[in-house]
Amino acid sequence: MKLTQTKRLERMKERYQNGGMDRRTFLGLTAAAAASAGVMTRWSGAALAAVSEVRFDGWGGTVQEAIDKFAFQPYTAKTNLKVVQGTFGDENEIITKVKTANPGDFQVIHSSGVEYYKKYVDGGWTSELNEANIPNLVNVMAAMIEPFRKMTPKLSAVPYDYGTTGIAYNTKVISPEEAKEKGANLLIDKKYAGKIGGFGDKNTRVWYGALQSGQSPNDIKDIEAVWAKVREGRDMTKKYWSSGAELMDLLSKEEIVVTEAWSGRVAALQEQGHPIGYLDPPGSYAWMEDMLVLKGSPMAECEELLNFMLDTATSIAVAEGQNYPPALDPTKVKLTDKIAKMPAFDPTGTMKTLTFADPIYWAEHDTEWQKQWDRISKGA
């Protein structure tokens, strides 16, 4: 009898983890079945304890604070499911950890869109979401979902927010007119040498090097011209920052007067009263972020959490807290005036006004460009 019940419990556990049963039903049925079979103590430790929490890793700072306050804390209050959080400054950090971790050690990642999504797909770390358990996905912009679905017809992630890596500048030193006139070349203006900052990742360095050399970042014809601009900028740069918190610190303390910057972090600085302007030059680097569920995660809990996060009220509260527009389609959902005024906000829901990295093109050059940027960053 006990052996039969144990097998039944294992089948229920498998069904639950595959998304075929909601969490409340699973807990109720397994508790009753295990107790009646007298196997509660030895079985529940492995099965029930495994669904008591979800692991989340994100960007930290004001972004993660908003997610925690407006999504995770209300979710835990509603479900008693704890969200254990970690942070990273560069997503490559978490990818390195995922490579050597056991399935399930890392579960939900606040990931940087389709070019990173491809890395997880190629690494074999993606899961398959049961979209029936995420009904709020219907309100997400189709234009944001499509690039993910092209890579994996069964999604492993749901789009959540978006923004741009434009140019932030100190308005006490640089006027809006000057910023607009110089555009991407403001970042290599000798007048500001020693007061220039930059994001120290390969993608941003190549992207802006392409713009500064008059090329499309998604169709670079002369990569040596790009590297020449990267070196030119390196020699004028005071500090390459590696996190949103560091970016905000450098700008707020006026250690730098111009830098590439994430649109939401600039909006946060502006709210705090700092004299920071923001410009998206033509071809500015746009990105969409997603909530990615890795293989080995407790799928039903993760799907329940994602659905809660995509709830209209939750998404709007998080968006206003982190200063990035939500993935919600503004033609389906009424968004607030504050969101409509955010940098990069697309009122059409088509995303056609923004320039995103071509994930296939960038993946083809990823290793080569990373090696070259590593050399240049060290002075080559």
Protein backbone atom coordinates (compact mmCIF):
# COMPACT_ATOMS: atom_id res chain seq x y z
CA MET A 1 0.00 0.00 0.00
CA LYS A 2 2.73 2.45 1.00
CA LEU A 3 4.69 1.65 -2.15
CA THR A 4 1.63 2.25 -4.33
CA GLN A 5 0.88 5.58 -2.61
CA THR A 6 4.47 6.66 -2.95
CA LYS A 7 4.32 6.04 -6.70
CA ARG A 8 1.07 7.97 -6.82
CA LEU A 9 2.69 10.85 -4.96
CA GLU A 10 5.61 10.87 -7.37
CA ARG A 11 3.21 10.98 -10.33
CA MET A 12 1.37 13.92 -8.77
CA LYS A 13 4.67 15.67 -8.18
CA GLU A 14 5.68 15.18 -11.83
CA ARG A 15 2.29 16.41 -13.05
CA TYR A 16 2.55 19.46 -10.81
CA GLN A 17 6.08 20.34 -11.91
CA ASN A 18 4.98 20.06 -15.54
CA GLY A 19 2.22 22.58 -14.95
CA GLY A 20 -0.71 20.16 -14.99
CA MET A 21 -1.90 21.00 -11.48
CA ASP A 22 -2.00 24.24 -9.52
CA ARG A 23 -0.01 24.62 -6.32
CA ARG A 24 -2.95 24.67 -3.92
CA THR A 25 -4.43 21.46 -5.37
CA PHE A 26 -1.04 19.77 -5.33
CA LEU A 27 -0.39 20.59 -1.67
CA GLY A 28 -3.85 19.46 -0.63
CA LEU A 29 -3.82 16.17 -2.51
CA THR A 30 -0.28 15.18 -1.61
CA ALA A 31 -0.72 16.03 2.05
CA ALA A 32 -3.85 13.88 2.27
CA ALA A 33 -2.38 11.01 0.27
CA ALA A 34 0.93 10.99 2.10
CA ALA A 35 -0.72 11.14 5.50
CA SER A 36 -3.10 8.27 4.71
CA ALA A 37 -0.20 6.13 3.55
CA GLY A 38 1.93 6.99 6.56
CA VAL A 39 4.71 8.37 4.40
CA MET A 40 4.28 12.06 5.11
CA THR A 41 7.50 12.51 7.05
CA ARG A 42 9.91 10.91 4.62
CA TRP A 43 8.16 11.93 1.39
CA SER A 44 7.03 15.46 2.08
CA GLY A 45 10.51 16.64 2.94
CA ALA A 46 11.59 16.03 -0.63
CA ALA A 47 8.36 16.91 -2.41
CA LEU A 48 6.57 19.58 -0.39
CA ALA A 49 9.66 21.46 0.78
CA ALA A 50 10.74 21.76 -2.85
CA VAL A 51 7.78 24.04 -3.57
CA SER A 52 8.10 26.40 -0.62
CA GLU A 53 10.15 29.02 -2.49
CA VAL A 54 11.24 30.31 -5.87
CA ARG A 55 14.73 31.62 -6.63
CA PHE A 56 14.97 34.96 -8.49
CA ASP A 57 18.08 36.74 -9.75
CA GLY A 58 17.95 40.30 -11.06
CA TRP A 59 19.74 43.58 -11.57
CA GLY A 60 19.49 44.88 -8.00
CA GLY A 61 19.14 48.56 -7.11
CA THR A 62 15.98 50.54 -7.78
CA VAL A 63 14.80 48.06 -10.39
CA GLN A 64 14.79 45.05 -8.09
CA GLU A 65 13.52 47.10 -5.17
CA ALA A 66 10.42 47.97 -7.22
CA ILE A 67 9.87 44.35 -8.23
CA ASP A 68 10.23 43.20 -4.63
CA LYS A 69 7.92 45.86 -3.19
CA PHE A 70 5.14 45.74 -5.77
CA ALA A 71 5.31 42.11 -6.97
CA PHE A 72 7.19 39.72 -4.69
CA GLN A 73 5.96 40.93 -1.33
CA PRO A 74 2.26 40.96 -2.36
CA TYR A 75 2.72 37.57 -4.02
CA THR A 76 4.21 36.04 -0.88
CA ALA A 77 1.42 37.52 1.22
CA LYS A 78 -1.13 35.93 -1.09
CA THR A 79 0.44 32.49 -1.57
CA ASN A 80 2.97 32.02 1.29
CA LEU A 81 5.51 31.17 -1.41
CA LYS A 82 8.79 32.90 -0.63
CA VAL A 83 10.88 34.52 -3.36
CA VAL A 84 14.58 34.15 -2.54
CA GLN A 85 16.56 36.84 -4.34
CA GLY A 86 20.05 37.26 -5.73
CA THR A 87 21.55 40.05 -7.83
CA PHE A 88 24.09 40.54 -10.60
CA GLY A 89 25.61 43.54 -12.36
CA ASP A 90 26.28 41.90 -15.73
CA GLU A 91 24.15 39.04 -17.01
CA ASN A 92 27.24 37.17 -18.13
CA GLU A 93 27.96 36.70 -14.41
CA ILE A 94 24.79 34.69 -13.89
CA ILE A 95 25.27 32.74 -17.13
CA THR A 96 28.70 31.63 -15.88
CA LYS A 97 27.08 30.41 -12.66
CA VAL A 98 24.26 28.63 -14.52
CA LYS A 99 26.82 26.72 -16.61
CA THR A 100 28.24 24.98 -13.55
CA ALA A 101 25.10 24.80 -11.40
CA ASN A 102 22.68 21.93 -11.00
CA PRO A 103 19.28 22.22 -12.71
CA GLY A 104 16.99 24.12 -10.38
CA ASP A 105 19.74 25.98 -8.50
CA PHE A 106 18.83 29.09 -10.50
CA GLN A 107 15.21 29.47 -11.53
CA VAL A 108 13.84 32.87 -12.61
CA ILE A 109 16.24 35.35 -14.22
CA HIS A 110 15.47 38.99 -15.03
CA SER A 111 17.14 38.65 -18.41
CA SER A 112 18.22 41.14 -21.08
CA GLY A 113 16.09 40.12 -24.01
CA VAL A 114 16.46 38.12 -27.16
CA GLU A 115 20.24 38.20 -27.64
CA TYR A 116 20.73 36.75 -24.16
CA TYR A 117 17.74 34.45 -24.60
CA LYS A 118 19.61 32.82 -27.47
CA LYS A 119 22.56 32.14 -25.15
CA TYR A 120 20.30 30.26 -22.75
CA VAL A 121 18.67 28.37 -25.62
CA ASP A 122 22.05 27.40 -27.09
CA GLY A 123 23.22 26.31 -23.64
CA GLY A 124 20.25 23.98 -23.24
CA TRP A 125 19.06 25.74 -20.07
CA THR A 126 15.58 26.83 -21.15
CA SER A 127 12.28 25.38 -19.99
CA GLU A 128 8.82 25.16 -21.59
CA LEU A 129 6.15 27.33 -20.00
CA ASN A 130 2.54 26.19 -19.91
CA GLU A 131 0.98 29.40 -21.21
CA ALA A 132 -2.46 28.27 -20.06
CA ASN A 133 -1.17 28.93 -16.54
CA ILE A 134 -0.19 32.50 -17.50
CA PRO A 135 -3.48 34.01 -18.78
CA ASN A 136 -2.20 37.56 -18.26
CA LEU A 137 0.25 36.95 -21.10
CA VAL A 138 -2.59 37.96 -23.44
CA ASN A 139 -2.01 41.61 -22.49
CA VAL A 140 1.69 41.59 -23.42
CA MET A 141 2.68 43.26 -26.68
CA ALA A 142 2.79 40.72 -29.51
CA ALA A 143 5.80 42.58 -30.92
CA MET A 144 7.73 41.71 -27.76
CA ILE A 145 6.68 38.06 -27.69
CA GLU A 146 7.36 37.27 -31.35
CA PRO A 147 11.21 37.41 -31.24
CA PHE A 148 11.24 34.90 -28.37
CA ARG A 149 8.74 32.59 -30.04
CA LYS A 150 10.80 32.56 -33.24
CA MET A 151 13.61 30.94 -31.29
CA THR A 152 11.46 28.64 -29.16
CA PRO A 153 7.83 28.06 -30.21
CA LYS A 154 7.19 27.06 -26.58
CA LEU A 155 8.30 30.03 -24.54
CA SER A 156 10.77 29.82 -21.68
CA ALA A 157 10.32 33.51 -20.82
CA VAL A 158 7.73 36.26 -20.75
CA PRO A 159 8.62 39.85 -21.76
CA TYR A 160 8.34 42.23 -18.82
CA ASP A 161 9.78 45.68 -19.51
CA TYR A 162 11.89 47.59 -22.00
CA GLY A 163 14.11 50.63 -22.33
CA THR A 164 17.07 52.13 -24.12
CA THR A 165 20.75 52.65 -23.53
CA GLY A 166 20.95 56.29 -24.57
CA ILE A 167 23.15 59.17 -23.46
CA ALA A 168 22.93 60.86 -20.06
CA TYR A 169 24.56 64.22 -19.57
CA ASN A 170 24.92 66.84 -16.85
CA THR A 171 22.78 69.80 -17.90
CA LYS A 172 24.97 72.22 -15.90
CA VAL A 173 27.81 71.41 -18.30
CA ILE A 174 26.15 70.24 -21.52
CA SER A 175 23.05 71.81 -23.05
CA PRO A 176 20.25 69.77 -24.66
CA GLU A 177 21.05 71.52 -27.93
CA GLU A 178 24.69 70.44 -27.81
CA ALA A 179 23.74 66.88 -26.89
CA LYS A 180 21.28 66.63 -29.77
CA GLU A 181 23.73 68.15 -32.26
CA LYS A 182 26.61 65.80 -31.38
CA GLY A 183 24.56 62.67 -30.67
CA ALA A 184 26.67 59.54 -30.21
CA ASN A 185 29.84 61.56 -30.84
CA LEU A 186 29.27 63.40 -27.56
CA LEU A 187 30.82 60.33 -25.94
CA ILE A 188 34.13 60.90 -27.76
CA ASP A 189 34.27 64.68 -27.49
CA LYS A 190 37.79 65.68 -26.35
CA LYS A 191 36.32 68.64 -24.50
CA TYR A 192 34.98 66.22 -21.89
CA ALA A 193 37.97 63.86 -21.71
CA GLY A 194 38.39 62.56 -18.19
CA LYS A 195 34.76 63.27 -17.35
CA ILE A 196 33.25 60.63 -19.64
CA GLY A 197 31.77 57.34 -18.40
CA GLY A 198 30.64 54.21 -20.19
CA PHE A 199 29.07 50.81 -19.69
CA GLY A 200 31.91 48.31 -19.70
CA ASP A 201 30.30 45.58 -21.76
CA LYS A 202 31.11 44.48 -25.27
CA ASN A 203 27.63 44.98 -26.74
CA THR A 204 27.39 48.65 -25.75
CA ARG A 205 30.96 49.42 -26.81
CA VAL A 206 30.46 47.87 -30.26
CA TRP A 207 26.99 49.40 -30.68
CA TYR A 208 28.14 52.95 -30.01
CA GLY A 209 31.38 52.41 -31.93
CA ALA A 210 29.22 51.51 -34.94
CA LEU A 211 27.08 54.64 -34.55
CA GLN A 212 30.17 56.83 -34.15
CA SER A 213 31.71 55.36 -37.32
CA GLY A 214 28.48 55.88 -39.29
CA GLN A 215 27.44 52.23 -39.47
CA SER A 216 24.40 50.15 -38.62
CA PRO A 217 25.06 48.14 -35.43
CA ASN A 218 23.15 45.25 -37.01
CA ASP A 219 25.15 45.31 -40.26
CA ILE A 220 28.72 46.40 -39.59
CA LYS A 221 30.82 46.58 -42.76
CA ASP A 222 34.08 47.86 -41.24
CA ILE A 223 34.68 46.42 -37.76
CA GLU A 224 38.15 47.96 -37.58
CA ALA A 225 36.57 51.42 -37.80
CA VAL A 226 34.37 50.42 -34.88
CA TRP A 227 37.35 49.32 -32.78
CA ALA A 228 39.13 52.59 -33.60
CA LYS A 229 36.20 54.50 -32.12
CA VAL A 230 36.13 52.17 -29.11
CA ARG A 231 39.82 52.90 -28.46
CA GLU A 232 39.25 56.62 -28.94
CA GLY A 233 36.52 56.55 -26.33
CA ARG A 234 38.56 54.37 -23.98
CA ASP A 235 41.36 56.92 -23.85
CA MET A 236 38.93 59.65 -22.74
CA THR A 237 36.86 57.59 -20.34
CA LYS A 238 37.27 58.10 -16.60
CA LYS A 239 35.35 54.99 -15.55
CA TYR A 240 33.53 52.08 -17.13
CA TRP A 241 30.62 51.28 -14.84
CA SER A 242 29.24 47.78 -14.40
CA SER A 243 25.88 48.23 -12.67
CA GLY A 244 22.94 50.61 -12.55
CA ALA A 245 23.82 51.57 -8.99
CA GLU A 246 27.35 52.52 -10.03
CA LEU A 247 26.02 54.50 -13.00
CA MET A 248 23.71 56.52 -10.74
CA ASP A 249 26.48 57.11 -8.21
CA LEU A 250 28.90 58.46 -10.83
CA LEU A 251 26.30 60.82 -12.29
CA SER A 252 24.84 62.01 -8.98
CA LYS A 253 28.29 62.81 -7.55
CA GLU A 254 29.20 64.54 -10.84
CA GLU A 255 32.33 62.46 -11.24
CA ILE A 256 31.35 62.20 -14.90
CA VAL A 257 29.30 64.59 -17.06
CA VAL A 258 28.35 62.29 -19.93
CA THR A 259 27.92 58.55 -20.39
CA GLU A 260 25.79 55.89 -22.00
CA ALA A 261 23.00 55.19 -19.55
CA TRP A 262 19.94 53.05 -18.99
CA SER A 263 16.81 55.12 -19.48
CA GLY A 264 15.09 54.05 -16.26
CA ARG A 265 18.09 54.82 -14.08
CA VAL A 266 18.23 58.30 -15.58
CA ALA A 267 14.53 58.80 -14.87
CA ALA A 268 15.21 57.81 -11.25
CA LEU A 269 17.99 60.40 -11.01
CA GLN A 270 15.73 63.05 -12.50
CA GLU A 271 13.06 62.23 -9.92
CA GLN A 272 15.67 62.76 -7.23
CA GLY A 273 16.33 66.25 -8.57
CA HIS A 274 19.72 65.72 -10.20
CA PRO A 275 20.53 67.89 -13.27
CA ILE A 276 20.66 65.02 -15.73
CA GLY A 277 19.39 65.15 -19.29
CA TYR A 278 18.79 62.14 -21.52
CA LEU A 279 19.06 61.65 -25.27
CA ASP A 280 18.30 58.70 -27.51
CA PRO A 281 20.43 59.44 -30.59
CA PRO A 282 19.37 57.90 -33.92
CA GLY A 283 19.90 54.15 -33.68
CA SER A 284 20.07 54.20 -29.88
CA TYR A 285 20.44 50.73 -28.34
CA ALA A 286 16.96 49.50 -27.37
CA TRP A 287 16.37 46.37 -25.34
CA MET A 288 13.53 44.39 -23.86
CA GLU A 289 13.82 42.48 -20.62
CA ASP A 290 12.08 39.24 -19.76
CA MET A 291 11.41 36.94 -16.86
CA LEU A 292 13.19 33.75 -17.91
CA VAL A 293 12.43 30.40 -16.27
CA LEU A 294 15.32 27.95 -16.40
CA LYS A 295 15.13 24.19 -16.84
CA GLY A 296 14.72 22.34 -13.56
CA SER A 297 12.64 25.08 -11.95
CA PRO A 298 9.35 24.33 -10.15
CA MET A 299 7.25 25.20 -13.19
CA ALA A 300 3.81 25.59 -11.61
CA GLU A 301 5.08 28.06 -8.98
CA CYS A 302 7.09 29.99 -11.53
CA GLU A 303 4.11 30.22 -13.89
CA GLU A 304 1.90 31.37 -11.04
CA LEU A 305 4.49 34.00 -10.09
CA LEU A 306 4.86 35.26 -13.68
CA ASN A 307 1.10 35.51 -14.08
CA PHE A 308 0.91 37.55 -10.87
CA MET A 309 3.71 39.83 -12.10
CA LEU A 310 1.89 40.38 -15.42
CA ASP A 311 -1.32 41.40 -13.67
CA THR A 312 -2.18 44.90 -14.89
CA ALA A 313 -2.07 46.56 -11.48
CA THR A 314 1.16 44.80 -10.54
CA SER A 315 2.91 45.58 -13.83
CA ILE A 316 1.96 49.24 -13.67
CA ALA A 317 3.11 49.57 -10.06
CA VAL A 318 6.45 47.91 -10.86
CA ALA A 319 6.90 50.05 -13.98
CA GLU A 320 6.32 53.26 -12.07
CA GLY A 321 8.66 52.08 -9.33
CA GLN A 322 11.55 51.15 -11.62
CA ASN A 323 10.92 53.82 -14.31
CA TYR A 324 10.85 51.39 -17.23
CA PRO A 325 7.71 50.92 -19.37
CA PRO A 326 5.96 47.58 -18.88
CA ALA A 327 5.52 44.96 -21.59
CA LEU A 328 1.75 45.52 -21.48
CA ASP A 329 0.20 46.52 -24.80
CA PRO A 330 -0.98 50.16 -24.45
CA THR A 331 -3.68 49.49 -27.06
CA LYS A 332 -5.17 46.80 -24.77
CA VAL A 333 -4.42 48.14 -21.30
CA LYS A 334 -4.82 51.69 -20.03
CA LEU A 335 -1.45 52.84 -18.72
CA THR A 336 -0.72 55.86 -16.56
CA ASP A 337 0.50 59.32 -17.53
CA LYS A 338 3.77 58.65 -15.71
CA ILE A 339 4.46 55.61 -17.88
CA ALA A 340 3.54 57.50 -21.04
CA LYS A 341 6.22 60.09 -20.22
CA MET A 342 9.01 57.56 -19.63
CA PRO A 343 11.99 57.50 -22.01
CA ALA A 344 11.57 54.86 -24.74
CA PHE A 345 7.80 54.44 -24.16
CA ASP A 346 6.05 53.25 -27.34
CA PRO A 347 2.36 54.25 -27.37
CA THR A 348 1.66 52.18 -30.49
CA GLY A 349 2.54 48.79 -29.03
CA THR A 350 4.46 47.91 -32.21
CA MET A 351 8.03 48.68 -31.01
CA LYS A 352 8.82 49.94 -34.53
CA THR A 353 10.28 53.21 -33.25
CA LEU A 354 13.06 51.36 -31.39
CA THR A 355 16.22 49.67 -32.70
CA PHE A 356 16.93 46.25 -31.20
CA ALA A 357 19.97 44.04 -31.67
CA ASP A 358 19.55 41.27 -34.23
CA PRO A 359 20.15 38.21 -32.00
CA ILE A 360 21.38 35.98 -34.83
CA TYR A 361 23.83 38.57 -36.17
CA TRP A 362 25.22 39.38 -32.74
CA ALA A 363 25.48 35.73 -31.73
CA GLU A 364 27.60 35.03 -34.83
CA HIS A 365 30.17 37.61 -33.68
CA ASP A 366 29.84 37.23 -29.92
CA THR A 367 33.05 35.35 -29.14
CA GLU A 368 35.22 37.26 -31.61
CA TRP A 369 34.01 40.68 -30.44
CA GLN A 370 34.21 39.77 -26.77
CA LYS A 371 37.88 38.77 -27.13
CA GLN A 372 38.70 42.00 -28.92
CA TRP A 373 36.88 44.17 -26.38
CA ASP A 374 38.70 42.36 -23.56
CA ARG A 375 42.02 43.21 -25.21
CA ILE A 376 41.09 46.84 -25.84
CA SER A 377 39.76 47.33 -22.32
CA LYS A 378 43.19 46.27 -21.02
CA GLY A 379 44.98 48.82 -23.23
CA ALA A 380 45.63 46.99 -26.51
